Amino acid sequence: MSNMTELQKKDLKYIFHPCAQMKDFESNPPLVIKKAEGLYLIDEHGKKYMDCISSWWVNLFGHCNPRINKVITEQINTLEHVIFANFAHEPAIELCEELEKVLPKGLNKFLFSDNGSSCIEMALKLSFQYHLQTGNPQKTKFISLQNAYHGETIGALGVGDVDIFTETYRPLIKEGRKVKVPYINENLTADEFKKYEDECFTDLENLVNENHHEIACMIVEPLVQGAAGMMMYSPNYLKRVRELTKKFNIHLIDDEIAMGFGRTGKMFACEHAGIEPDIMCIAKGLSSGYYPIAMVCITTEIFNAFYADYKEGKSFLHSHTYSGNPLGCKIALEILKIFREEQVLNTVNKKGAYLKKQAQKLFKDKPYIKEYRHIGLIGALELKDIAPGERIGRQIYEIALKKGVLIRPIGNIIYFMPPYVITEEEIDTLLKVCLDSIEEFISIKKINLKDALKSDNKKRENLDSPF
């Protein structure tokens, strides 16, 4: 505690930080950020850090973006909040009008929330209640993907499949059915991957054929499973999922909370598969990290199942105090304008291609790298288990942070999802710091790579399945 600043001491006296073991902060206390600009966070000592995870995947256009700051100022001097149950306001109306123009066809009715996990809860409840009110009350079950993550509220945990989040709460959870995912694997030939994808889809198809009468919906993270370690799967599989769910009156819920708004190179990740979901959840990039706002986008068909005389009891009774907040709506409107006026998707694809090329060049043939995964402006380095029992990703993250670069660990994986304002020079710096931090970790731990890799290969032979 003696090396901590007064602010750090006060932080640890009062605050229980999310997704962290508080005891870790005894040796590495939270950094106190005083201000930020563009790609950079600036701490209380004036040291700069490249925010290469977009402050948990939300910041698209840099911190303290002048365009966004301007509209916030204008809106806060006009209307800061109003109850959304029986009132409306111009920013919310305009936002829905503009969203319909960029969303997949058919999504034209909107519900407001204030965070992604609550958004998922709403989507699941909507699907359940839709079937209840349209003559299929037996449709009460949910399907999701293995290794899925959809948030940490109780309903969201039920369709999640990352044990670190779900295990403790299993007695509280209504578990959904989980199905295998055809993860992209460059070591497979085209024929081998097709066989793998067909096996995964056949498992889903068998499940649906036998149980479709009781399945309300299937929820997916489109193409990229973030909390699973940026695991990426086949767009063709998602296309086949859409065809199957449509055939059996099963809603497809597309969780675009993390991957929407350009992150994968398309406005929404489901566009890679060319599909139109029944329900889409959006958040995070919707406000570029400025304000907690989330939305559930649905079809007119689903909306009509709730449209009735009050006495029929078909209302959807789910609300949040800050639903439809004018500040969040005004910010989201400006985000859509920036996409349109500044050709953001072109920028993402150009910088994403540069990131991929440079990462593959820098990490090619590095014996400690198991795999580099990439799409749009997302990169993930999975390390081999060169130090069993060590928190490899965590320690590399700490080394990189001291070098002024914020990346994020998931087990033995370190990933980066930088704001779209990052330059090619800054991409080079990001990747060089990743390389240096990994090799510094290896040096500090005095790891003999030759011996470590033999051990890792033996373990993988015993544990990995042949699909």
Protein backbone atom coordinates (compact mmCIF):
# COMPACT_ATOMS: atom_id res chain seq x y z
CA MET A 1 0.00 0.00 0.00
CA SER A 2 2.93 2.35 0.63
CA ASN A 3 3.68 2.69 -3.11
CA MET A 4 0.11 3.64 -3.95
CA THR A 5 -1.15 7.14 -4.56
CA GLU A 6 -3.83 8.55 -2.28
CA LEU A 7 -6.44 8.05 -5.02
CA GLN A 8 -5.45 4.40 -5.44
CA LYS A 9 -5.72 3.83 -1.69
CA LYS A 10 -9.19 5.38 -1.64
CA ASP A 11 -10.20 3.33 -4.66
CA LEU A 12 -9.29 0.07 -2.93
CA LYS A 13 -10.91 1.21 0.29
CA TYR A 14 -14.32 1.62 -1.35
CA ILE A 15 -14.58 0.06 -4.81
CA PHE A 16 -15.26 -3.56 -5.83
CA HIS A 17 -14.03 -3.65 -9.44
CA PRO A 18 -15.77 -5.82 -12.07
CA CYS A 19 -14.23 -8.96 -13.56
CA ALA A 20 -11.28 -8.81 -11.18
CA GLN A 21 -9.88 -10.50 -8.10
CA MET A 22 -9.47 -7.59 -5.70
CA LYS A 23 -6.48 -9.22 -4.00
CA ASP A 24 -4.52 -8.85 -7.27
CA PHE A 25 -4.59 -5.09 -6.76
CA GLU A 26 -2.38 -5.34 -3.67
CA SER A 27 0.61 -5.68 -6.00
CA ASN A 28 -0.82 -3.97 -9.12
CA PRO A 29 -3.42 -1.37 -8.09
CA PRO A 30 -5.88 0.04 -10.63
CA LEU A 31 -4.49 2.92 -12.67
CA VAL A 32 -6.30 6.17 -11.97
CA ILE A 33 -7.13 7.77 -15.33
CA LYS A 34 -7.52 11.53 -15.16
CA LYS A 35 -8.33 12.29 -18.79
CA ALA A 36 -8.26 10.84 -22.30
CA GLU A 37 -7.87 11.98 -25.87
CA GLY A 38 -8.17 10.01 -29.10
CA LEU A 39 -6.49 6.63 -28.70
CA TYR A 40 -4.83 7.58 -25.42
CA LEU A 41 -5.72 7.30 -21.73
CA ILE A 42 -3.72 9.58 -19.41
CA ASP A 43 -3.17 8.64 -15.76
CA GLU A 44 -2.76 10.84 -12.69
CA HIS A 45 0.99 11.07 -13.31
CA GLY A 46 0.53 12.20 -16.91
CA LYS A 47 1.61 8.86 -18.43
CA LYS A 48 -0.16 7.89 -21.67
CA TYR A 49 -1.56 4.47 -22.54
CA MET A 50 -2.81 3.31 -25.95
CA ASP A 51 -6.37 2.08 -25.38
CA CYS A 52 -6.14 -0.92 -27.69
CA ILE A 53 -9.28 -2.63 -26.36
CA SER A 54 -11.53 0.40 -26.94
CA SER A 55 -12.30 0.52 -23.21
CA TRP A 56 -14.05 -2.85 -23.27
CA TRP A 57 -14.98 -2.80 -26.95
CA VAL A 58 -17.07 0.36 -26.92
CA ASN A 59 -14.95 3.31 -28.04
CA LEU A 60 -15.03 3.53 -31.82
CA PHE A 61 -13.99 7.09 -32.58
CA GLY A 62 -11.53 7.98 -29.84
CA HIS A 63 -11.90 9.51 -26.42
CA CYS A 64 -13.30 13.04 -26.15
CA ASN A 65 -14.31 13.06 -29.81
CA PRO A 66 -15.14 16.68 -30.76
CA ARG A 67 -18.22 15.78 -32.83
CA ILE A 68 -19.75 13.70 -30.06
CA ASN A 69 -18.82 16.20 -27.35
CA LYS A 70 -20.62 18.92 -29.29
CA VAL A 71 -23.95 17.09 -29.57
CA ILE A 72 -23.86 16.10 -25.89
CA THR A 73 -23.48 19.74 -24.92
CA GLU A 74 -26.35 20.75 -27.17
CA GLN A 75 -28.64 17.99 -25.88
CA ILE A 76 -27.88 18.44 -22.19
CA ASN A 77 -28.95 22.07 -22.43
CA THR A 78 -32.23 21.01 -24.06
CA LEU A 79 -33.51 17.79 -22.41
CA GLU A 80 -31.51 15.49 -20.15
CA HIS A 81 -34.14 12.83 -19.34
CA VAL A 82 -37.85 12.11 -19.38
CA ILE A 83 -39.86 9.04 -18.41
CA PHE A 84 -40.16 6.95 -21.58
CA ALA A 85 -43.28 4.98 -20.65
CA ASN A 86 -45.81 7.59 -21.77
CA PHE A 87 -43.62 10.24 -23.38
CA ALA A 88 -41.45 10.49 -26.47
CA HIS A 89 -38.76 12.86 -27.71
CA GLU A 90 -37.14 13.78 -30.99
CA PRO A 91 -33.71 12.09 -30.55
CA ALA A 92 -35.30 8.68 -29.89
CA ILE A 93 -37.67 8.99 -32.85
CA GLU A 94 -34.89 10.09 -35.20
CA LEU A 95 -32.57 7.35 -33.96
CA CYS A 96 -35.08 4.61 -34.76
CA GLU A 97 -35.74 6.13 -38.17
CA GLU A 98 -32.01 6.14 -38.97
CA LEU A 99 -31.35 2.67 -37.55
CA GLU A 100 -33.97 1.11 -39.80
CA LYS A 101 -31.92 2.32 -42.79
CA VAL A 102 -28.79 0.40 -41.76
CA LEU A 103 -30.20 -2.69 -40.04
CA PRO A 104 -30.94 -5.96 -41.83
CA LYS A 105 -34.29 -5.93 -43.63
CA GLY A 106 -37.36 -6.42 -41.45
CA LEU A 107 -36.02 -5.00 -38.19
CA ASN A 108 -38.20 -1.93 -37.76
CA LYS A 109 -39.52 -1.84 -34.19
CA PHE A 110 -37.34 -0.86 -31.24
CA LEU A 111 -37.18 -1.30 -27.49
CA PHE A 112 -34.70 0.65 -25.35
CA SER A 113 -32.50 -0.50 -22.49
CA ASP A 114 -29.32 0.75 -20.88
CA ASN A 115 -26.86 -2.17 -21.10
CA GLY A 116 -26.20 -5.25 -23.17
CA SER A 117 -27.04 -7.91 -20.61
CA SER A 118 -30.46 -6.37 -19.93
CA CYS A 119 -30.95 -6.18 -23.68
CA ILE A 120 -30.45 -9.95 -23.88
CA GLU A 121 -32.94 -10.50 -21.07
CA MET A 122 -35.51 -8.50 -23.02
CA ALA A 123 -34.88 -10.47 -26.20
CA LEU A 124 -35.32 -13.84 -24.48
CA LYS A 125 -38.49 -12.71 -22.71
CA LEU A 126 -39.91 -11.27 -25.93
CA SER A 127 -39.41 -14.57 -27.74
CA PHE A 128 -40.96 -16.57 -24.90
CA GLN A 129 -43.97 -14.26 -24.62
CA TYR A 130 -44.45 -14.08 -28.40
CA HIS A 131 -44.91 -17.85 -28.59
CA LEU A 132 -47.14 -17.82 -25.51
CA GLN A 133 -49.40 -15.26 -27.17
CA THR A 134 -49.46 -16.85 -30.62
CA GLY A 135 -50.70 -20.32 -29.73
CA ASN A 136 -47.44 -22.08 -28.86
CA PRO A 137 -47.11 -21.90 -25.06
CA GLN A 138 -44.99 -25.06 -25.09
CA LYS A 139 -42.14 -23.16 -26.80
CA THR A 140 -40.13 -22.28 -23.69
CA LYS A 141 -36.60 -23.57 -24.42
CA PHE A 142 -33.53 -21.70 -25.70
CA ILE A 143 -30.59 -22.83 -27.83
CA SER A 144 -27.17 -21.17 -27.85
CA LEU A 145 -23.64 -21.99 -28.96
CA GLN A 146 -20.97 -23.75 -26.97
CA ASN A 147 -18.57 -21.23 -25.38
CA ALA A 148 -21.18 -18.50 -25.75
CA TYR A 149 -21.25 -15.32 -23.69
CA HIS A 150 -24.29 -13.05 -23.61
CA GLY A 151 -23.92 -11.19 -20.34
CA GLU A 152 -24.06 -11.83 -16.62
CA THR A 153 -27.68 -11.42 -15.57
CA ILE A 154 -29.50 -14.65 -14.75
CA GLY A 155 -31.29 -15.16 -18.07
CA ALA A 156 -28.17 -14.26 -20.05
CA LEU A 157 -26.11 -16.74 -18.01
CA GLY A 158 -28.57 -19.47 -18.97
CA VAL A 159 -27.64 -19.10 -22.64
CA GLY A 160 -23.97 -18.53 -21.81
CA ASP A 161 -21.37 -21.28 -21.72
CA VAL A 162 -18.19 -19.81 -20.21
CA ASP A 163 -17.74 -21.63 -16.91
CA ILE A 164 -15.89 -18.84 -15.12
CA PHE A 165 -19.08 -16.78 -15.35
CA THR A 166 -21.74 -19.48 -15.00
CA GLU A 167 -20.45 -22.20 -12.67
CA THR A 168 -21.14 -20.47 -9.36
CA TYR A 169 -24.70 -19.59 -10.29
CA ARG A 170 -25.89 -22.84 -11.85
CA PRO A 171 -28.50 -23.45 -9.11
CA LEU A 172 -30.15 -20.18 -10.14
CA ILE A 173 -29.94 -20.64 -13.89
CA LYS A 174 -32.45 -22.02 -16.36
CA GLU A 175 -30.00 -23.72 -18.70
CA GLY A 176 -30.45 -23.55 -22.45
CA ARG A 177 -29.23 -26.24 -24.85
CA LYS A 178 -25.72 -25.70 -26.22
CA VAL A 179 -24.58 -26.80 -29.69
CA LYS A 180 -21.13 -27.25 -31.26
CA VAL A 181 -19.54 -24.48 -33.31
CA PRO A 182 -17.40 -24.92 -36.47
CA TYR A 183 -14.42 -22.76 -35.50
CA ILE A 184 -12.23 -21.63 -38.35
CA ASN A 185 -9.01 -23.65 -38.36
CA GLU A 186 -6.32 -22.88 -40.90
CA ASN A 187 -4.76 -26.32 -40.35
CA LEU A 188 -7.77 -27.97 -41.98
CA THR A 189 -8.16 -28.40 -45.71
CA ALA A 190 -11.32 -27.07 -47.34
CA ASP A 191 -12.77 -30.59 -47.43
CA GLU A 192 -11.87 -31.25 -43.80
CA PHE A 193 -13.44 -28.00 -42.67
CA LYS A 194 -16.63 -28.70 -44.65
CA LYS A 195 -16.88 -32.08 -42.93
CA TYR A 196 -16.36 -30.39 -39.54
CA GLU A 197 -18.99 -27.73 -40.31
CA ASP A 198 -21.45 -30.36 -41.53
CA GLU A 199 -21.00 -32.35 -38.31
CA CYS A 200 -21.72 -29.28 -36.18
CA PHE A 201 -24.78 -28.38 -38.22
CA THR A 202 -26.07 -31.95 -38.19
CA ASP A 203 -25.95 -31.95 -34.39
CA LEU A 204 -28.05 -28.78 -34.35
CA GLU A 205 -30.38 -30.12 -37.02
CA ASN A 206 -31.00 -33.32 -35.06
CA LEU A 207 -31.70 -31.33 -31.90
CA VAL A 208 -34.17 -29.08 -33.69
CA ASN A 209 -35.89 -31.88 -35.60
CA GLU A 210 -36.55 -33.73 -32.33
CA ASN A 211 -37.41 -30.75 -30.12
CA HIS A 212 -38.61 -27.87 -32.31
CA HIS A 213 -42.06 -27.93 -30.74
CA GLU A 214 -40.57 -26.68 -27.44
CA ILE A 215 -37.81 -24.37 -28.72
CA ALA A 216 -38.61 -20.65 -28.65
CA CYS A 217 -35.37 -19.20 -29.96
CA MET A 218 -31.72 -19.66 -30.78
CA ILE A 219 -29.28 -16.93 -29.78
CA VAL A 220 -25.87 -16.42 -31.38
CA GLU A 221 -22.85 -14.18 -31.21
CA PRO A 222 -22.35 -13.63 -34.94
CA LEU A 223 -19.03 -15.02 -36.24
CA VAL A 224 -16.91 -14.06 -33.20
CA GLN A 225 -17.26 -15.33 -29.63
CA GLY A 226 -15.52 -12.63 -27.62
CA ALA A 227 -15.33 -13.94 -24.04
CA ALA A 228 -14.41 -17.40 -25.38
CA GLY A 229 -11.14 -15.89 -26.60
CA MET A 230 -12.13 -14.23 -29.87
CA MET A 231 -13.02 -17.62 -31.33
CA MET A 232 -14.24 -17.24 -34.92
CA TYR A 233 -16.58 -19.49 -36.85
CA SER A 234 -17.98 -20.00 -40.31
CA PRO A 235 -20.47 -17.50 -41.79
CA ASN A 236 -21.91 -20.35 -43.84
CA TYR A 237 -22.87 -22.10 -40.60
CA LEU A 238 -24.75 -18.99 -39.49
CA LYS A 239 -26.58 -18.90 -42.82
CA ARG A 240 -27.67 -22.50 -42.38
CA VAL A 241 -28.77 -21.76 -38.80
CA ARG A 242 -31.02 -18.99 -40.11
CA GLU A 243 -32.64 -21.29 -42.67
CA LEU A 244 -33.25 -24.00 -40.08
CA THR A 245 -34.71 -21.71 -37.41
CA LYS A 246 -37.02 -20.04 -39.90
CA LYS A 247 -38.31 -23.42 -41.05
CA PHE A 248 -39.40 -24.39 -37.51
CA ASN A 249 -40.76 -21.07 -36.21
CA ILE A 250 -37.75 -20.55 -33.93
CA HIS A 251 -36.63 -16.97 -33.44
CA LEU A 252 -33.01 -16.21 -34.30
CA ILE A 253 -31.61 -13.67 -31.84
CA ASP A 254 -28.49 -11.97 -33.16
CA ASP A 255 -26.34 -10.61 -30.32
CA GLU A 256 -24.45 -7.78 -32.04
CA ILE A 257 -23.58 -6.04 -28.76
CA ALA A 258 -19.84 -6.54 -29.21
CA MET A 259 -19.54 -7.10 -32.97
CA GLY A 260 -21.95 -4.52 -34.33
CA PHE A 261 -21.10 -1.08 -35.71
CA GLY A 262 -18.23 -1.98 -37.98
CA ARG A 263 -16.01 -4.06 -35.71
CA THR A 264 -15.82 -7.01 -38.15
CA GLY A 265 -15.65 -4.86 -41.29
CA LYS A 266 -19.42 -4.89 -41.89
CA MET A 267 -21.90 -2.62 -40.14
CA PHE A 268 -23.25 -5.75 -38.41
CA ALA A 269 -21.43 -9.06 -38.26
CA CYS A 270 -24.47 -11.06 -39.43
CA GLU A 271 -24.07 -9.35 -42.84
CA HIS A 272 -21.08 -11.64 -43.52
CA ALA A 273 -23.63 -14.46 -43.65
CA GLY A 274 -26.23 -12.41 -45.54
CA ILE A 275 -28.98 -13.16 -43.01
CA GLU A 276 -31.92 -11.31 -41.48
CA PRO A 277 -32.51 -12.22 -37.82
CA ASP A 278 -35.85 -11.91 -36.03
CA ILE A 279 -34.34 -10.04 -33.10
CA MET A 280 -31.10 -8.09 -32.85
CA CYS A 281 -29.45 -6.73 -29.70
CA ILE A 282 -27.18 -3.70 -30.03
CA ALA A 283 -25.19 -1.70 -27.46
CA LYS A 284 -21.48 -0.86 -26.86
CA GLY A 285 -20.48 0.89 -30.13
CA LEU A 286 -23.99 2.33 -30.39
CA SER A 287 -22.80 5.21 -28.19
CA SER A 288 -19.04 4.81 -28.77
CA GLY A 289 -18.52 4.45 -25.04
CA TYR A 290 -20.10 7.76 -24.12
CA TYR A 291 -23.36 6.69 -22.56
CA PRO A 292 -25.07 3.46 -21.42
CA ILE A 293 -27.65 2.75 -24.11
CA ALA A 294 -28.79 -0.56 -25.60
CA MET A 295 -31.61 -1.53 -27.95
CA VAL A 296 -33.60 -4.58 -28.98
CA CYS A 297 -34.58 -4.46 -32.64
CA ILE A 298 -37.50 -6.66 -33.71
CA THR A 299 -39.80 -7.36 -36.66
CA THR A 300 -43.34 -6.08 -37.10
CA GLU A 301 -44.52 -9.68 -36.80
CA ILE A 302 -43.15 -9.95 -33.27
CA PHE A 303 -44.47 -6.49 -32.39
CA ASN A 304 -47.98 -7.46 -33.53
CA ALA A 305 -48.12 -10.31 -31.02
CA PHE A 306 -48.11 -7.70 -28.23
CA TYR A 307 -50.46 -5.21 -29.90
CA ALA A 308 -53.94 -5.74 -28.38
CA ASP A 309 -56.58 -4.25 -26.11
CA TYR A 310 -55.20 -3.69 -22.62
CA LYS A 311 -57.63 -6.16 -21.05
CA GLU A 312 -56.08 -9.00 -23.10
CA GLY A 313 -52.91 -8.72 -20.96
CA LYS A 314 -50.47 -8.91 -23.85
CA SER A 315 -48.30 -5.91 -22.92
CA PHE A 316 -44.54 -6.41 -22.62
CA LEU A 317 -43.85 -5.32 -19.05
CA HIS A 318 -40.12 -4.75 -19.03
CA SER A 319 -38.69 -1.32 -18.38
CA HIS A 320 -35.55 0.51 -17.29
CA THR A 321 -35.45 3.92 -15.67
CA TYR A 322 -33.10 5.26 -18.32
CA SER A 323 -34.81 3.63 -21.31
CA GLY A 324 -34.69 5.97 -24.29
CA ASN A 325 -32.57 8.57 -22.51
CA PRO A 326 -32.23 11.64 -24.81
CA LEU A 327 -28.47 11.99 -24.26
CA GLY A 328 -27.82 8.41 -25.32
CA CYS A 329 -30.12 8.73 -28.32
CA LYS A 330 -28.48 11.96 -29.48
CA ILE A 331 -25.04 10.40 -29.20
CA ALA A 332 -26.15 7.30 -31.13
CA LEU A 333 -27.57 9.53 -33.86
CA GLU A 334 -24.19 11.24 -34.21
CA ILE A 335 -22.46 7.85 -34.35
CA LEU A 336 -24.60 6.90 -37.36
CA LYS A 337 -23.83 10.25 -39.00
CA ILE A 338 -20.10 9.70 -38.52
CA PHE A 339 -20.37 6.26 -40.15
CA ARG A 340 -22.20 7.74 -43.09
CA GLU A 341 -20.21 10.96 -43.58
CA GLU A 342 -16.71 9.66 -42.86
CA GLN A 343 -16.94 6.30 -44.71
CA VAL A 344 -15.97 4.47 -41.54
CA LEU A 345 -16.37 0.93 -42.92
CA ASN A 346 -13.78 1.66 -45.59
CA THR A 347 -11.41 2.84 -42.87
CA VAL A 348 -12.01 -0.25 -40.74
CA ASN A 349 -11.33 -2.60 -43.63
CA LYS A 350 -8.20 -0.74 -44.71
CA LYS A 351 -6.73 -0.59 -41.21
CA GLY A 352 -7.90 -4.12 -40.48
CA ALA A 353 -6.05 -5.46 -43.50
CA TYR A 354 -2.91 -3.60 -42.37
CA LEU A 355 -3.24 -4.99 -38.83
CA LYS A 356 -3.61 -8.53 -40.15
CA LYS A 357 -0.66 -8.24 -42.55
CA GLN A 358 1.66 -6.77 -39.92
CA ALA A 359 0.62 -9.22 -37.20
CA GLN A 360 1.13 -12.22 -39.47
CA LYS A 361 4.51 -10.90 -40.53
CA LEU A 362 5.66 -10.20 -36.95
CA PHE A 363 4.40 -13.41 -35.34
CA LYS A 364 4.93 -15.83 -38.21
CA ASP A 365 6.94 -18.88 -37.10
CA LYS A 366 7.15 -17.70 -33.48
CA PRO A 367 7.25 -21.05 -31.69
CA TYR A 368 5.23 -19.85 -28.69
CA ILE A 369 2.21 -18.73 -30.76
CA LYS A 370 -0.49 -21.34 -31.22
CA GLU A 371 -2.73 -19.23 -33.46
CA TYR A 372 -3.42 -15.68 -34.61
CA ARG A 373 -7.11 -14.96 -35.20
CA HIS A 374 -8.36 -11.94 -37.07
CA ILE A 375 -11.42 -10.21 -38.51
CA GLY A 376 -12.00 -6.51 -39.17
CA LEU A 377 -10.23 -4.58 -36.42
CA ILE A 378 -9.97 -7.52 -34.04
CA GLY A 379 -6.79 -9.49 -33.45
CA ALA A 380 -6.13 -12.29 -30.96
CA LEU A 381 -2.85 -14.05 -30.19
CA GLU A 382 -3.27 -17.43 -28.52
CA LEU A 383 -0.09 -18.60 -26.83
CA LYS A 384 0.90 -22.19 -26.31
CA ASP A 385 0.96 -23.34 -22.71
CA ILE A 386 4.66 -22.54 -22.23
CA ALA A 387 4.33 -21.91 -18.49
CA PRO A 388 1.83 -24.33 -16.92
CA GLY A 389 0.21 -22.95 -13.79
CA GLU A 390 1.11 -19.36 -14.65
CA ARG A 391 -1.44 -16.69 -15.60
CA ILE A 392 0.34 -16.13 -18.89
CA GLY A 393 -2.07 -13.64 -20.46
CA ARG A 394 -2.39 -11.64 -17.25
CA GLN A 395 1.37 -11.26 -16.83
CA ILE A 396 1.89 -10.25 -20.46
CA TYR A 397 -0.91 -7.69 -20.09
CA GLU A 398 0.86 -6.20 -17.04
CA ILE A 399 4.18 -5.96 -18.90
CA ALA A 400 2.51 -4.31 -21.90
CA LEU A 401 0.72 -1.83 -19.65
CA LYS A 402 4.05 -0.69 -18.22
CA LYS A 403 5.13 -0.09 -21.81
CA GLY A 404 2.10 2.14 -22.37
CA VAL A 405 -0.21 -0.24 -24.26
CA LEU A 406 -3.54 -1.56 -22.94
CA ILE A 407 -4.37 -5.01 -24.29
CA ARG A 408 -6.52 -7.56 -22.49
CA PRO A 409 -5.97 -11.20 -21.49
CA ILE A 410 -8.36 -14.14 -21.71
CA GLY A 411 -6.44 -17.10 -20.29
CA ASN A 412 -3.47 -17.69 -22.60
CA ILE A 413 -4.92 -15.29 -25.17
CA ILE A 414 -4.13 -11.62 -25.54
CA TYR A 415 -6.33 -9.61 -27.83
CA PHE A 416 -6.71 -6.11 -29.23
CA MET A 417 -9.77 -4.26 -30.54
CA PRO A 418 -8.55 -0.69 -31.00
CA PRO A 419 -10.67 2.38 -31.76
CA TYR A 420 -11.06 3.06 -35.46
CA VAL A 421 -8.96 6.24 -35.14
CA ILE A 422 -5.77 4.22 -34.61
CA THR A 423 -3.09 4.99 -37.23
CA GLU A 424 -0.87 2.51 -39.06
CA GLU A 425 2.11 3.76 -37.05
CA GLU A 426 0.20 3.10 -33.83
CA ILE A 427 -0.73 -0.37 -35.08
CA ASP A 428 2.98 -1.05 -35.54
CA THR A 429 3.64 0.14 -31.97
CA LEU A 430 0.82 -2.02 -30.60
CA LEU A 431 2.16 -5.16 -32.27
CA LYS A 432 5.79 -4.45 -31.34
CA VAL A 433 4.82 -4.00 -27.69
CA CYS A 434 2.87 -7.29 -27.80
CA LEU A 435 5.94 -9.08 -29.18
CA ASP A 436 8.32 -7.46 -26.70
CA SER A 437 6.00 -8.18 -23.77
CA ILE A 438 5.67 -11.86 -24.64
CA GLU A 439 9.40 -12.27 -25.03
CA GLU A 440 10.06 -10.32 -21.82
CA PHE A 441 7.70 -12.69 -20.00
CA ILE A 442 9.60 -15.67 -21.42
CA SER A 443 12.88 -14.10 -20.30
CA ILE A 444 11.66 -13.21 -16.80
CA LYS A 445 10.34 -16.72 -16.23
CA LYS A 446 13.53 -18.23 -17.69
CA ILE A 447 11.42 -20.46 -19.92
CA ASN A 448 13.29 -22.97 -22.03
CA LEU A 449 11.06 -22.87 -25.10
CA LYS A 450 12.33 -26.13 -26.53
CA ASP A 451 11.40 -28.06 -23.39
CA ALA A 452 8.20 -26.05 -22.80
CA LEU A 453 6.93 -26.70 -26.31
CA LYS A 454 7.59 -30.43 -26.02
CA SER A 455 5.47 -30.46 -22.89
CA ASP A 456 2.76 -28.38 -24.54
CA ASN A 457 2.63 -30.60 -27.63
CA LYS A 458 2.35 -33.73 -25.50
CA LYS A 459 -0.49 -32.22 -23.51
CA ARG A 460 -2.32 -31.13 -26.65
CA GLU A 461 -2.07 -34.63 -28.12
CA ASN A 462 -3.77 -35.98 -25.02
CA LEU A 463 -6.46 -33.31 -24.71
CA ASP A 464 -7.40 -32.13 -28.17
CA SER A 465 -10.14 -33.98 -30.00
CA PRO A 466 -9.92 -34.70 -33.77
CA PHE A 467 -13.22 -32.83 -34.18
